[in-house]
Amino acid sequence: MPARFVLKATHGWNMNLLVHDKAALDVAAATAQAREWLGRNHYADTYEWGYRDVRPRLLAEAMLDGENGDGPADYKFHVFHGRVRMLAVHTGRFGLHRLTYFDEAMCRLPVRKKTPPDADLKLPAEIDALIGMAERLGGPFDYVRVDLYLAGGAIRFGELTHYNDGACGPYTPQSYDRTLGDMWQLDTRRGTLRRR
């Protein structure tokens, strides 16, 4: 393992151990935590179908550094029919957590969830490259959320998910749920997608 790494489970969410200094790691506590994660059945707890047949495993990877030692910003691109239609940016994930939304033109949206927005957030110079990567990764799907990071000037992949917040996280204003739903066009007459 590198000196700084993240241990995470692959069969659910919110199972992450941030190891800032491997030499100071309480191995017994980390092992107990990992065993507890491996015993969880995320599908049985949440009924999220994507986790139903996932074999519990652990993954360790080098920790990505952010500008302030708090981890890099998490860029969550909502891609409909191969096009980024919304961006959610998480900053300060392990400190003063903020969540800021942008539309497809990268203008701020007056939308929020429980976490307040970052009034000072500026999108990076690499935003067009991030959008391009998100659209390439999301192209095959009618909807997918593509999570990316910038670390040391390089784009890093986070994950793909087809149901943001387990499809249970409401927006404020509530009308934004409908706005997003209208971006997802299905041709129900033939059972095929209608591209916009």
C-alpha atoms as a PDB file:
ATOM      1  CA  MET A   1       0.000   0.000   0.000  1.00  0.00           C
ATOM      2  CA  PRO A   2       1.131   3.551  -0.601  1.00  0.00           C
ATOM      3  CA  ALA A   3       1.704   5.754   2.447  1.00  0.00           C
ATOM      4  CA  ARG A   4      -1.707   7.392   1.910  1.00  0.00           C
ATOM      5  CA  PHE A   5      -4.582   5.326   0.527  1.00  0.00           C
ATOM      6  CA  VAL A   6      -8.314   4.731   0.567  1.00  0.00           C
ATOM      7  CA  LEU A   7      -9.824   1.378   1.447  1.00  0.00           C
ATOM      8  CA  LYS A   8     -13.349   0.913   0.139  1.00  0.00           C
ATOM      9  CA  ALA A   9     -15.943  -1.768  -0.408  1.00  0.00           C
ATOM     10  CA  THR A  10     -17.177  -2.453  -3.934  1.00  0.00           C
ATOM     11  CA  HIS A  11     -20.624  -3.835  -3.037  1.00  0.00           C
ATOM     12  CA  GLY A  12     -22.305  -0.736  -1.608  1.00  0.00           C
ATOM     13  CA  TRP A  13     -21.821   2.887  -0.702  1.00  0.00           C
ATOM     14  CA  ASN A  14     -20.564   4.812   2.319  1.00  0.00           C
ATOM     15  CA  MET A  15     -17.946   2.164   3.118  1.00  0.00           C
ATOM     16  CA  ASN A  16     -14.649   4.080   2.869  1.00  0.00           C
ATOM     17  CA  LEU A  17     -11.629   4.290   5.137  1.00  0.00           C
ATOM     18  CA  LEU A  18      -9.272   7.202   4.462  1.00  0.00           C
ATOM     19  CA  VAL A  19      -5.741   6.343   5.535  1.00  0.00           C
ATOM     20  CA  HIS A  20      -3.684   9.534   5.690  1.00  0.00           C
ATOM     21  CA  ASP A  21      -0.643   7.806   7.205  1.00  0.00           C
ATOM     22  CA  LYS A  22      -0.178   4.064   6.783  1.00  0.00           C
ATOM     23  CA  ALA A  23       2.357   3.987   9.634  1.00  0.00           C
ATOM     24  CA  ALA A  24      -0.264   5.329  12.071  1.00  0.00           C
ATOM     25  CA  LEU A  25      -3.045   2.982  10.932  1.00  0.00           C
ATOM     26  CA  ASP A  26      -4.758   0.939  13.650  1.00  0.00           C
ATOM     27  CA  VAL A  27      -4.630  -2.327  11.691  1.00  0.00           C
ATOM     28  CA  ALA A  28      -6.889  -4.217  14.111  1.00  0.00           C
ATOM     29  CA  ALA A  29      -9.609  -1.551  13.916  1.00  0.00           C
ATOM     30  CA  ALA A  30      -9.299  -1.327  10.112  1.00  0.00           C
ATOM     31  CA  THR A  31      -9.541  -5.123   9.828  1.00  0.00           C
ATOM     32  CA  ALA A  32     -12.644  -5.190  12.039  1.00  0.00           C
ATOM     33  CA  GLN A  33     -14.225  -2.428   9.952  1.00  0.00           C
ATOM     34  CA  ALA A  34     -13.437  -4.258   6.712  1.00  0.00           C
ATOM     35  CA  ARG A  35     -14.916  -7.508   8.059  1.00  0.00           C
ATOM     36  CA  GLU A  36     -18.093  -5.647   9.016  1.00  0.00           C
ATOM     37  CA  TRP A  37     -18.368  -4.191   5.501  1.00  0.00           C
ATOM     38  CA  LEU A  38     -17.813  -7.605   3.898  1.00  0.00           C
ATOM     39  CA  GLY A  39     -20.685  -8.987   5.988  1.00  0.00           C
ATOM     40  CA  ARG A  40     -23.152  -6.369   4.721  1.00  0.00           C
ATOM     41  CA  ASN A  41     -25.698  -7.084   2.035  1.00  0.00           C
ATOM     42  CA  HIS A  42     -26.362  -3.646   0.608  1.00  0.00           C
ATOM     43  CA  TYR A  43     -29.160  -4.926  -1.613  1.00  0.00           C
ATOM     44  CA  ALA A  44     -31.015  -6.387   1.391  1.00  0.00           C
ATOM     45  CA  ASP A  45     -30.663  -3.056   3.224  1.00  0.00           C
ATOM     46  CA  THR A  46     -31.610  -0.656   0.402  1.00  0.00           C
ATOM     47  CA  TYR A  47     -33.187  -2.754  -2.396  1.00  0.00           C
ATOM     48  CA  GLU A  48     -30.900  -1.023  -4.919  1.00  0.00           C
ATOM     49  CA  TRP A  49     -30.960  -3.653  -7.659  1.00  0.00           C
ATOM     50  CA  GLY A  50     -27.474  -2.808  -8.927  1.00  0.00           C
ATOM     51  CA  TYR A  51     -25.993  -4.289  -5.745  1.00  0.00           C
ATOM     52  CA  ARG A  52     -28.058  -7.503  -5.769  1.00  0.00           C
ATOM     53  CA  ASP A  53     -25.463  -9.844  -7.266  1.00  0.00           C
ATOM     54  CA  VAL A  54     -22.239  -8.004  -6.415  1.00  0.00           C
ATOM     55  CA  ARG A  55     -19.776 -10.180  -4.525  1.00  0.00           C
ATOM     56  CA  PRO A  56     -18.404  -8.313  -1.479  1.00  0.00           C
ATOM     57  CA  ARG A  57     -14.829  -7.193  -2.078  1.00  0.00           C
ATOM     58  CA  LEU A  58     -12.406  -4.562  -0.889  1.00  0.00           C
ATOM     59  CA  LEU A  59     -10.431  -2.184  -3.068  1.00  0.00           C
ATOM     60  CA  ALA A  60      -7.433  -0.095  -2.017  1.00  0.00           C
ATOM     61  CA  GLU A  61      -6.182   2.804  -4.095  1.00  0.00           C
ATOM     62  CA  ALA A  62      -3.823   5.727  -3.666  1.00  0.00           C
ATOM     63  CA  MET A  63      -5.471   8.752  -2.075  1.00  0.00           C
ATOM     64  CA  LEU A  64      -6.055  11.668  -4.432  1.00  0.00           C
ATOM     65  CA  ASP A  65      -4.899  15.028  -3.141  1.00  0.00           C
ATOM     66  CA  GLY A  66      -6.964  18.192  -3.338  1.00  0.00           C
ATOM     67  CA  GLU A  67      -5.783  21.773  -3.167  1.00  0.00           C
ATOM     68  CA  ASN A  68      -6.361  22.132   0.574  1.00  0.00           C
ATOM     69  CA  GLY A  69      -5.649  18.607   1.830  1.00  0.00           C
ATOM     70  CA  ASP A  70      -9.376  17.850   1.964  1.00  0.00           C
ATOM     71  CA  GLY A  71      -9.545  15.713  -1.158  1.00  0.00           C
ATOM     72  CA  PRO A  72     -10.288  16.907  -4.672  1.00  0.00           C
ATOM     73  CA  ALA A  73     -13.630  18.301  -5.806  1.00  0.00           C
ATOM     74  CA  ASP A  74     -16.030  15.565  -6.923  1.00  0.00           C
ATOM     75  CA  TYR A  75     -17.594  16.414 -10.316  1.00  0.00           C
ATOM     76  CA  LYS A  76     -20.831  14.476 -10.823  1.00  0.00           C
ATOM     77  CA  PHE A  77     -22.062  14.867 -14.392  1.00  0.00           C
ATOM     78  CA  HIS A  78     -25.679  13.917 -15.114  1.00  0.00           C
ATOM     79  CA  VAL A  79     -25.601  12.657 -18.698  1.00  0.00           C
ATOM     80  CA  PHE A  80     -28.847  12.136 -20.618  1.00  0.00           C
ATOM     81  CA  HIS A  81     -28.641  10.517 -24.051  1.00  0.00           C
ATOM     82  CA  GLY A  82     -24.906  11.263 -24.304  1.00  0.00           C
ATOM     83  CA  ARG A  83     -25.157  14.920 -23.271  1.00  0.00           C
ATOM     84  CA  VAL A  84     -24.253  16.557 -19.957  1.00  0.00           C
ATOM     85  CA  ARG A  85     -27.403  18.282 -18.741  1.00  0.00           C
ATOM     86  CA  MET A  86     -26.453  18.968 -15.117  1.00  0.00           C
ATOM     87  CA  LEU A  87     -23.318  19.031 -12.975  1.00  0.00           C
ATOM     88  CA  ALA A  88     -23.209  18.614  -9.197  1.00  0.00           C
ATOM     89  CA  VAL A  89     -19.897  19.588  -7.578  1.00  0.00           C
ATOM     90  CA  HIS A  90     -19.061  18.351  -4.099  1.00  0.00           C
ATOM     91  CA  THR A  91     -16.318  20.275  -2.295  1.00  0.00           C
ATOM     92  CA  GLY A  92     -14.989  19.957   1.247  1.00  0.00           C
ATOM     93  CA  ARG A  93     -16.243  16.373   1.509  1.00  0.00           C
ATOM     94  CA  PHE A  94     -14.244  15.719   4.685  1.00  0.00           C
ATOM     95  CA  GLY A  95     -14.591  19.163   6.231  1.00  0.00           C
ATOM     96  CA  LEU A  96     -17.009  21.951   5.309  1.00  0.00           C
ATOM     97  CA  HIS A  97     -19.032  19.980   2.754  1.00  0.00           C
ATOM     98  CA  ARG A  98     -20.709  21.987  -0.023  1.00  0.00           C
ATOM     99  CA  LEU A  99     -22.779  20.896  -3.043  1.00  0.00           C
ATOM    100  CA  THR A 100     -23.217  23.274  -5.977  1.00  0.00           C
ATOM    101  CA  TYR A 101     -25.296  22.651  -9.116  1.00  0.00           C
ATOM    102  CA  PHE A 102     -24.737  23.850 -12.685  1.00  0.00           C
ATOM    103  CA  ASP A 103     -26.813  23.515 -15.848  1.00  0.00           C
ATOM    104  CA  GLU A 104     -25.517  22.261 -19.198  1.00  0.00           C
ATOM    105  CA  ALA A 105     -24.088  25.726 -20.036  1.00  0.00           C
ATOM    106  CA  MET A 106     -22.191  25.568 -16.694  1.00  0.00           C
ATOM    107  CA  CYS A 107     -24.294  28.363 -15.181  1.00  0.00           C
ATOM    108  CA  ARG A 108     -25.244  28.008 -11.531  1.00  0.00           C
ATOM    109  CA  LEU A 109     -28.639  26.497 -10.826  1.00  0.00           C
ATOM    110  CA  PRO A 110     -30.882  27.665  -7.960  1.00  0.00           C
ATOM    111  CA  VAL A 111     -31.216  24.017  -6.932  1.00  0.00           C
ATOM    112  CA  ARG A 112     -30.099  22.284  -3.787  1.00  0.00           C
ATOM    113  CA  LYS A 113     -30.439  19.253  -1.605  1.00  0.00           C
ATOM    114  CA  LYS A 114     -29.603  19.117   2.107  1.00  0.00           C
ATOM    115  CA  THR A 115     -26.024  20.340   1.621  1.00  0.00           C
ATOM    116  CA  PRO A 116     -25.653  24.091   0.985  1.00  0.00           C
ATOM    117  CA  PRO A 117     -23.857  25.388  -2.135  1.00  0.00           C
ATOM    118  CA  ASP A 118     -20.386  26.900  -2.242  1.00  0.00           C
ATOM    119  CA  ALA A 119     -20.897  30.574  -3.113  1.00  0.00           C
ATOM    120  CA  ASP A 120     -17.205  30.975  -4.019  1.00  0.00           C
ATOM    121  CA  LEU A 121     -16.843  27.885  -6.216  1.00  0.00           C
ATOM    122  CA  LYS A 122     -15.212  28.495  -9.594  1.00  0.00           C
ATOM    123  CA  LEU A 123     -15.192  25.751 -12.208  1.00  0.00           C
ATOM    124  CA  PRO A 124     -11.694  24.676 -13.300  1.00  0.00           C
ATOM    125  CA  ALA A 125     -10.057  25.615 -16.600  1.00  0.00           C
ATOM    126  CA  GLU A 126     -10.324  21.899 -17.505  1.00  0.00           C
ATOM    127  CA  ILE A 127     -14.145  21.903 -17.359  1.00  0.00           C
ATOM    128  CA  ASP A 128     -14.517  21.336 -21.132  1.00  0.00           C
ATOM    129  CA  ALA A 129     -12.210  18.304 -20.938  1.00  0.00           C
ATOM    130  CA  LEU A 130     -14.215  16.967 -17.997  1.00  0.00           C
ATOM    131  CA  ILE A 131     -17.474  17.445 -19.926  1.00  0.00           C
ATOM    132  CA  GLY A 132     -16.009  15.697 -22.968  1.00  0.00           C
ATOM    133  CA  MET A 133     -14.895  12.731 -20.870  1.00  0.00           C
ATOM    134  CA  ALA A 134     -18.283  12.513 -19.123  1.00  0.00           C
ATOM    135  CA  GLU A 135     -20.112  12.538 -22.456  1.00  0.00           C
ATOM    136  CA  ARG A 136     -17.842   9.847 -23.915  1.00  0.00           C
ATOM    137  CA  LEU A 137     -18.344   7.612 -20.885  1.00  0.00           C
ATOM    138  CA  GLY A 138     -22.079   8.347 -20.706  1.00  0.00           C
ATOM    139  CA  GLY A 139     -22.734   8.074 -24.445  1.00  0.00           C
ATOM    140  CA  PRO A 140     -24.041   4.493 -24.483  1.00  0.00           C
ATOM    141  CA  PHE A 141     -26.715   5.157 -21.859  1.00  0.00           C
ATOM    142  CA  ASP A 142     -30.054   6.979 -21.798  1.00  0.00           C
ATOM    143  CA  TYR A 143     -29.098   8.258 -18.327  1.00  0.00           C
ATOM    144  CA  VAL A 144     -26.001   7.866 -16.197  1.00  0.00           C
ATOM    145  CA  ARG A 145     -24.172   9.918 -13.600  1.00  0.00           C
ATOM    146  CA  VAL A 146     -20.456  10.087 -14.380  1.00  0.00           C
ATOM    147  CA  ASP A 147     -18.192  10.989 -11.446  1.00  0.00           C
ATOM    148  CA  LEU A 148     -14.783  12.480 -12.213  1.00  0.00           C
ATOM    149  CA  TYR A 149     -11.985  14.168 -10.267  1.00  0.00           C
ATOM    150  CA  LEU A 150      -9.104  16.452 -11.136  1.00  0.00           C
ATOM    151  CA  ALA A 151      -5.914  15.549  -9.305  1.00  0.00           C
ATOM    152  CA  GLY A 152      -2.563  17.032 -10.228  1.00  0.00           C
ATOM    153  CA  GLY A 153      -4.083  18.377 -13.445  1.00  0.00           C
ATOM    154  CA  ALA A 154      -5.169  14.868 -14.552  1.00  0.00           C
ATOM    155  CA  ILE A 155      -8.732  13.620 -14.914  1.00  0.00           C
ATOM    156  CA  ARG A 156      -9.477  10.630 -12.680  1.00  0.00           C
ATOM    157  CA  PHE A 157     -12.481   8.336 -12.928  1.00  0.00           C
ATOM    158  CA  GLY A 158     -14.757   7.874  -9.902  1.00  0.00           C
ATOM    159  CA  GLU A 159     -17.789   5.821 -10.866  1.00  0.00           C
ATOM    160  CA  LEU A 160     -20.847   5.449 -13.072  1.00  0.00           C
ATOM    161  CA  THR A 161     -24.278   5.154 -11.482  1.00  0.00           C
ATOM    162  CA  HIS A 162     -27.737   4.931 -12.977  1.00  0.00           C
ATOM    163  CA  TYR A 163     -29.616   6.162  -9.927  1.00  0.00           C
ATOM    164  CA  ASN A 164     -28.316   9.231  -8.160  1.00  0.00           C
ATOM    165  CA  ASP A 165     -28.849   9.149  -4.366  1.00  0.00           C
ATOM    166  CA  GLY A 166     -30.507   5.753  -4.748  1.00  0.00           C
ATOM    167  CA  ALA A 167     -33.200   7.611  -6.726  1.00  0.00           C
ATOM    168  CA  CYS A 168     -34.541   8.869  -3.384  1.00  0.00           C
ATOM    169  CA  GLY A 169     -32.927  12.295  -2.856  1.00  0.00           C
ATOM    170  CA  PRO A 170     -35.416  15.121  -3.484  1.00  0.00           C
ATOM    171  CA  TYR A 171     -34.377  18.502  -4.889  1.00  0.00           C
ATOM    172  CA  THR A 172     -35.373  21.943  -3.708  1.00  0.00           C
ATOM    173  CA  PRO A 173     -37.367  23.275  -5.440  1.00  0.00           C
ATOM    174  CA  GLN A 174     -39.296  20.043  -5.814  1.00  0.00           C
ATOM    175  CA  SER A 175     -40.192  21.012  -9.394  1.00  0.00           C
ATOM    176  CA  TYR A 176     -36.600  20.235 -10.418  1.00  0.00           C
ATOM    177  CA  ASP A 177     -37.354  16.513 -10.164  1.00  0.00           C
ATOM    178  CA  ARG A 178     -39.747  17.033 -13.094  1.00  0.00           C
ATOM    179  CA  THR A 179     -37.198  19.174 -14.977  1.00  0.00           C
ATOM    180  CA  LEU A 180     -34.666  16.340 -14.805  1.00  0.00           C
ATOM    181  CA  GLY A 181     -37.298  13.728 -15.623  1.00  0.00           C
ATOM    182  CA  ASP A 182     -38.239  15.619 -18.784  1.00  0.00           C
ATOM    183  CA  MET A 183     -34.625  15.274 -19.980  1.00  0.00           C
ATOM    184  CA  TRP A 184     -35.074  11.507 -20.066  1.00  0.00           C
ATOM    185  CA  GLN A 185     -36.954  10.849 -23.288  1.00  0.00           C
ATOM    186  CA  LEU A 186     -38.358   7.381 -23.991  1.00  0.00           C
ATOM    187  CA  ASP A 187     -40.375   6.409 -27.031  1.00  0.00           C
ATOM    188  CA  THR A 188     -42.947   4.211 -25.322  1.00  0.00           C
ATOM    189  CA  ARG A 189     -44.728   3.336 -28.579  1.00  0.00           C
ATOM    190  CA  ARG A 190     -41.827   1.204 -29.794  1.00  0.00           C
ATOM    191  CA  GLY A 191     -39.946   0.603 -26.543  1.00  0.00           C
ATOM    192  CA  THR A 192     -36.906   2.458 -27.856  1.00  0.00           C
ATOM    193  CA  LEU A 193     -35.172   5.641 -26.840  1.00  0.00           C
ATOM    194  CA  ARG A 194     -36.015   8.914 -28.511  1.00  0.00           C
ATOM    195  CA  ARG A 195     -32.840  10.986 -28.792  1.00  0.00           C
ATOM    196  CA  ARG A 196     -33.041  14.756 -28.369  1.00  0.00           C
END
